[in-house]
Protein backbone atom coordinates (compact mmCIF):
# COMPACT_ATOMS: atom_id res chain seq x y z
CA MET A 1 82.23 46.80 215.70
CA THR A 2 78.98 47.97 214.05
CA HIS A 3 80.47 51.45 213.49
CA PHE A 4 83.35 49.88 211.59
CA LEU A 5 81.14 47.70 209.40
CA ARG A 6 78.76 50.49 208.40
CA PRO A 7 81.42 52.54 206.46
CA LEU A 8 82.79 49.32 204.95
CA ALA A 9 79.32 48.32 203.70
CA LEU A 10 78.79 51.83 202.29
CA ALA A 11 82.15 51.75 200.48
CA THR A 12 81.35 48.31 199.02
CA ALA A 13 77.95 49.54 197.81
CA LEU A 14 79.54 52.58 196.15
CA ILE A 15 82.14 50.42 194.38
CA ASN A 16 79.40 48.11 193.10
CA VAL A 17 77.34 51.05 191.79
CA ALA A 18 80.39 52.54 190.05
CA ALA A 19 81.05 49.21 188.33
CA VAL A 20 77.61 49.25 186.68
CA PRO A 21 77.54 51.16 183.36
CA ALA A 22 75.68 54.48 183.56
CA GLY A 23 73.35 53.52 180.72
CA ALA A 24 72.43 50.56 178.64
CA ALA A 25 72.37 52.40 175.30
CA THR A 26 73.55 50.23 172.40
CA ARG A 27 76.79 50.82 170.51
CA TRP A 28 76.57 50.75 166.72
CA GLU A 29 79.12 50.29 163.93
CA ALA A 30 78.33 52.55 160.96
CA ALA A 31 78.70 51.11 157.45
CA LYS A 32 81.41 52.93 155.46
CA ASN A 33 79.04 53.99 152.70
CA PRO A 34 80.67 56.90 150.81
CA ALA A 35 77.23 58.35 150.02
CA ALA A 36 75.94 58.27 153.63
CA ILE A 37 76.60 62.02 154.11
CA SER A 38 75.61 64.21 151.20
CA TRP A 39 74.62 67.79 150.48
CA GLU A 40 72.63 69.80 147.99
CA GLY A 41 73.17 73.43 147.03
CA LEU A 42 72.21 75.95 144.37
CA GLN A 43 74.48 77.62 141.85
CA GLY A 44 72.96 80.06 139.39
CA GLY A 45 69.54 78.54 140.07
CA ASN A 46 70.79 75.01 139.32
CA VAL A 47 70.96 72.28 141.95
CA PHE A 48 74.33 70.63 142.53
CA THR A 49 75.09 67.79 144.92
CA GLY A 50 78.08 66.39 146.73
CA HIS A 51 79.00 63.81 149.32
CA CYS A 52 81.68 63.14 151.94
CA ARG A 53 83.27 59.80 151.17
CA THR A 54 85.21 59.32 154.42
CA PHE A 55 83.93 59.67 157.98
CA ASP A 56 84.11 58.00 161.39
CA ALA A 57 81.01 57.62 163.54
CA ALA A 58 80.88 56.80 167.25
CA ILE A 59 77.22 55.92 167.82
CA VAL A 60 75.64 54.96 171.14
CA PHE A 61 71.88 54.94 170.73
CA ASP A 62 68.84 53.23 172.18
CA PRO A 63 65.29 54.54 171.67
CA SER A 64 64.46 53.42 175.22
CA ASP A 65 67.55 55.12 176.70
CA LEU A 66 67.89 58.51 175.00
CA VAL A 67 69.51 60.01 178.11
CA HIS A 68 72.62 57.86 177.60
CA SER A 69 72.60 58.07 173.80
CA SER A 70 75.23 60.02 171.87
CA VAL A 71 76.60 60.47 168.37
CA LYS A 72 79.93 61.86 167.21
CA VAL A 73 80.62 61.95 163.49
CA THR A 74 84.03 63.12 162.28
CA ILE A 75 84.12 63.97 158.56
CA ASP A 76 87.26 64.09 156.43
CA MET A 77 86.68 67.37 154.57
CA GLY A 78 89.32 66.51 151.98
CA ALA A 79 87.10 63.61 150.92
CA CYS A 80 84.05 65.81 150.22
CA ILE A 81 83.42 66.02 146.48
CA THR A 82 80.75 66.96 143.94
CA GLY A 83 82.02 64.88 141.02
CA ASP A 84 82.51 68.08 138.98
CA GLN A 85 86.24 68.55 138.38
CA GLN A 86 86.16 72.35 138.56
CA LYS A 87 84.08 72.50 141.75
CA ASP A 88 86.19 69.79 143.36
CA SER A 89 89.38 71.75 142.67
CA TYR A 90 87.90 74.74 144.56
CA LEU A 91 86.35 72.94 147.56
CA PRO A 92 89.60 72.27 149.52
CA GLN A 93 90.80 75.87 149.08
CA GLU A 94 90.83 78.43 151.89
CA GLY A 95 87.75 80.31 150.65
CA TRP A 96 85.60 77.17 150.80
CA PHE A 97 86.42 74.26 153.16
CA GLY A 98 89.98 75.40 153.99
CA VAL A 99 91.08 71.77 154.29
CA ALA A 100 94.75 72.63 155.02
CA ASP A 101 93.76 74.41 158.25
CA PHE A 102 90.49 72.58 159.00
CA PRO A 103 90.79 68.98 157.76
CA LYS A 104 87.89 67.66 159.87
CA ALA A 105 84.30 68.66 160.58
CA ILE A 106 82.57 67.22 163.64
CA PHE A 107 78.87 66.73 164.37
CA GLU A 108 78.21 65.83 167.98
CA ALA A 109 74.90 65.21 169.77
CA THR A 110 74.11 64.07 173.30
CA SER A 111 70.49 65.22 173.40
CA PHE A 112 67.69 63.51 171.47
CA LEU A 113 63.96 64.16 171.26
CA HIS A 114 61.50 61.43 170.30
CA GLN A 115 58.70 62.92 168.20
CA GLY A 116 56.63 59.77 168.02
CA GLY A 117 56.82 56.67 165.85
CA ASP A 118 60.18 56.47 164.08
CA LYS A 119 60.84 60.24 164.19
CA TYR A 120 63.60 61.85 166.30
CA ILE A 121 65.59 65.06 166.51
CA ALA A 122 69.29 65.09 167.36
CA ASP A 123 70.08 68.37 169.11
CA GLY A 124 73.78 68.87 168.61
CA THR A 125 76.61 71.01 167.35
CA LEU A 126 78.53 71.12 164.11
CA THR A 127 82.12 72.32 164.02
CA LEU A 128 83.09 73.25 160.49
CA LYS A 129 86.03 75.37 159.43
CA GLY A 130 86.77 76.20 163.07
CA VAL A 131 83.24 77.50 163.77
CA THR A 132 80.87 75.66 166.12
CA LYS A 133 77.10 76.19 165.79
CA LYS A 134 74.03 74.47 167.23
CA VAL A 135 72.38 72.16 164.69
CA GLU A 136 69.11 70.26 164.93
CA LEU A 137 69.01 67.14 162.78
CA PRO A 138 65.55 65.58 162.37
CA PHE A 139 65.79 61.91 161.38
CA THR A 140 63.82 58.72 161.09
CA LEU A 141 65.14 55.50 162.57
CA ASP A 142 64.26 51.94 161.61
CA ILE A 143 65.81 49.19 163.77
CA ARG A 144 65.36 45.60 162.61
CA GLY A 145 67.24 43.03 164.60
CA ASP A 146 70.91 44.06 164.66
CA THR A 147 70.60 46.62 161.83
CA ALA A 148 69.63 50.28 162.17
CA HIS A 149 68.85 52.64 159.29
CA ALA A 150 68.73 56.41 159.92
CA VAL A 151 67.67 58.98 157.33
CA GLY A 152 67.82 62.68 158.14
CA GLU A 153 68.04 66.13 156.67
CA THR A 154 68.82 69.65 157.88
CA THR A 155 69.63 73.00 156.29
CA LEU A 156 72.82 74.90 157.10
CA GLN A 157 73.76 78.49 156.35
CA ARG A 158 77.17 78.12 154.69
CA LEU A 159 78.23 81.70 155.46
CA ALA A 160 77.67 81.15 159.20
CA PHE A 161 80.58 78.67 159.02
CA GLY A 162 82.72 80.87 156.76
CA VAL A 163 82.27 78.54 153.79
CA GLY A 164 82.50 80.63 150.63
CA ALA A 165 83.17 83.79 152.62
CA GLY A 166 84.45 87.01 151.10
CA ASP A 167 82.96 89.52 148.68
CA GLN A 168 83.04 87.30 145.60
CA LEU A 169 82.33 83.88 147.10
CA SER A 170 79.50 84.97 149.40
CA SER A 171 77.32 85.99 146.43
CA ALA A 172 74.23 83.87 145.87
CA ASP A 173 75.26 83.80 142.18
CA VAL A 174 78.33 81.78 143.14
CA ALA A 175 76.40 79.47 145.51
CA GLY A 176 73.16 79.80 147.41
CA PRO A 177 73.43 80.60 151.13
CA ASP A 178 71.42 77.49 152.16
CA VAL A 179 72.94 74.04 151.95
CA LYS A 180 70.74 71.01 152.55
CA VAL A 181 72.71 68.26 154.34
CA LYS A 182 71.37 64.70 154.21
CA ILE A 183 72.29 61.50 156.00
CA ASP A 184 71.41 57.97 154.96
CA LEU A 185 73.27 55.81 157.42
CA THR A 186 73.13 52.08 158.08
CA ALA A 187 74.74 50.64 161.21
CA THR A 188 75.14 47.23 162.83
CA ARG A 189 74.73 46.54 166.53
CA LYS A 190 78.10 45.91 168.22
CA LYS A 191 78.18 42.62 170.13
């Protein structure tokens, strides 16, 4: 009888462990702020800016449970604009964002490093225009009650993603090779 009960007790224990969530990291609902994701570039020595008005963010994050934290941000590339009519007419075209073939860009991170205080680094990947590259995004995080505010910045090499590729578009006179990407994201704790 004892031999029969032992496997039954083991099976029950395994079922109970499987029913417990792997981590206790908190889920967050990102505010739909059209200026939350922005960028800054150079054209002819002059700074120009833009932002991506539409995105979806799946955020699971807890400073005390970084192992189970993750972020996946899907950006609608057709909603990325500068506010300059001429530039905005070029951005969706094949030479730049190629929106017809690559309508979405995705930033995904499952590894986070706490640098002390409110400073973190998200170690992730960015898929843009069909190219996936590793991206480190340093950010600060301020959590007050049920509201979190993250501010971060990283620099991307546009040509590494094929943005503005080709003899004419790759010239630094057309646009500088470095693009500074910024986030200013507010999110509410999901109940």
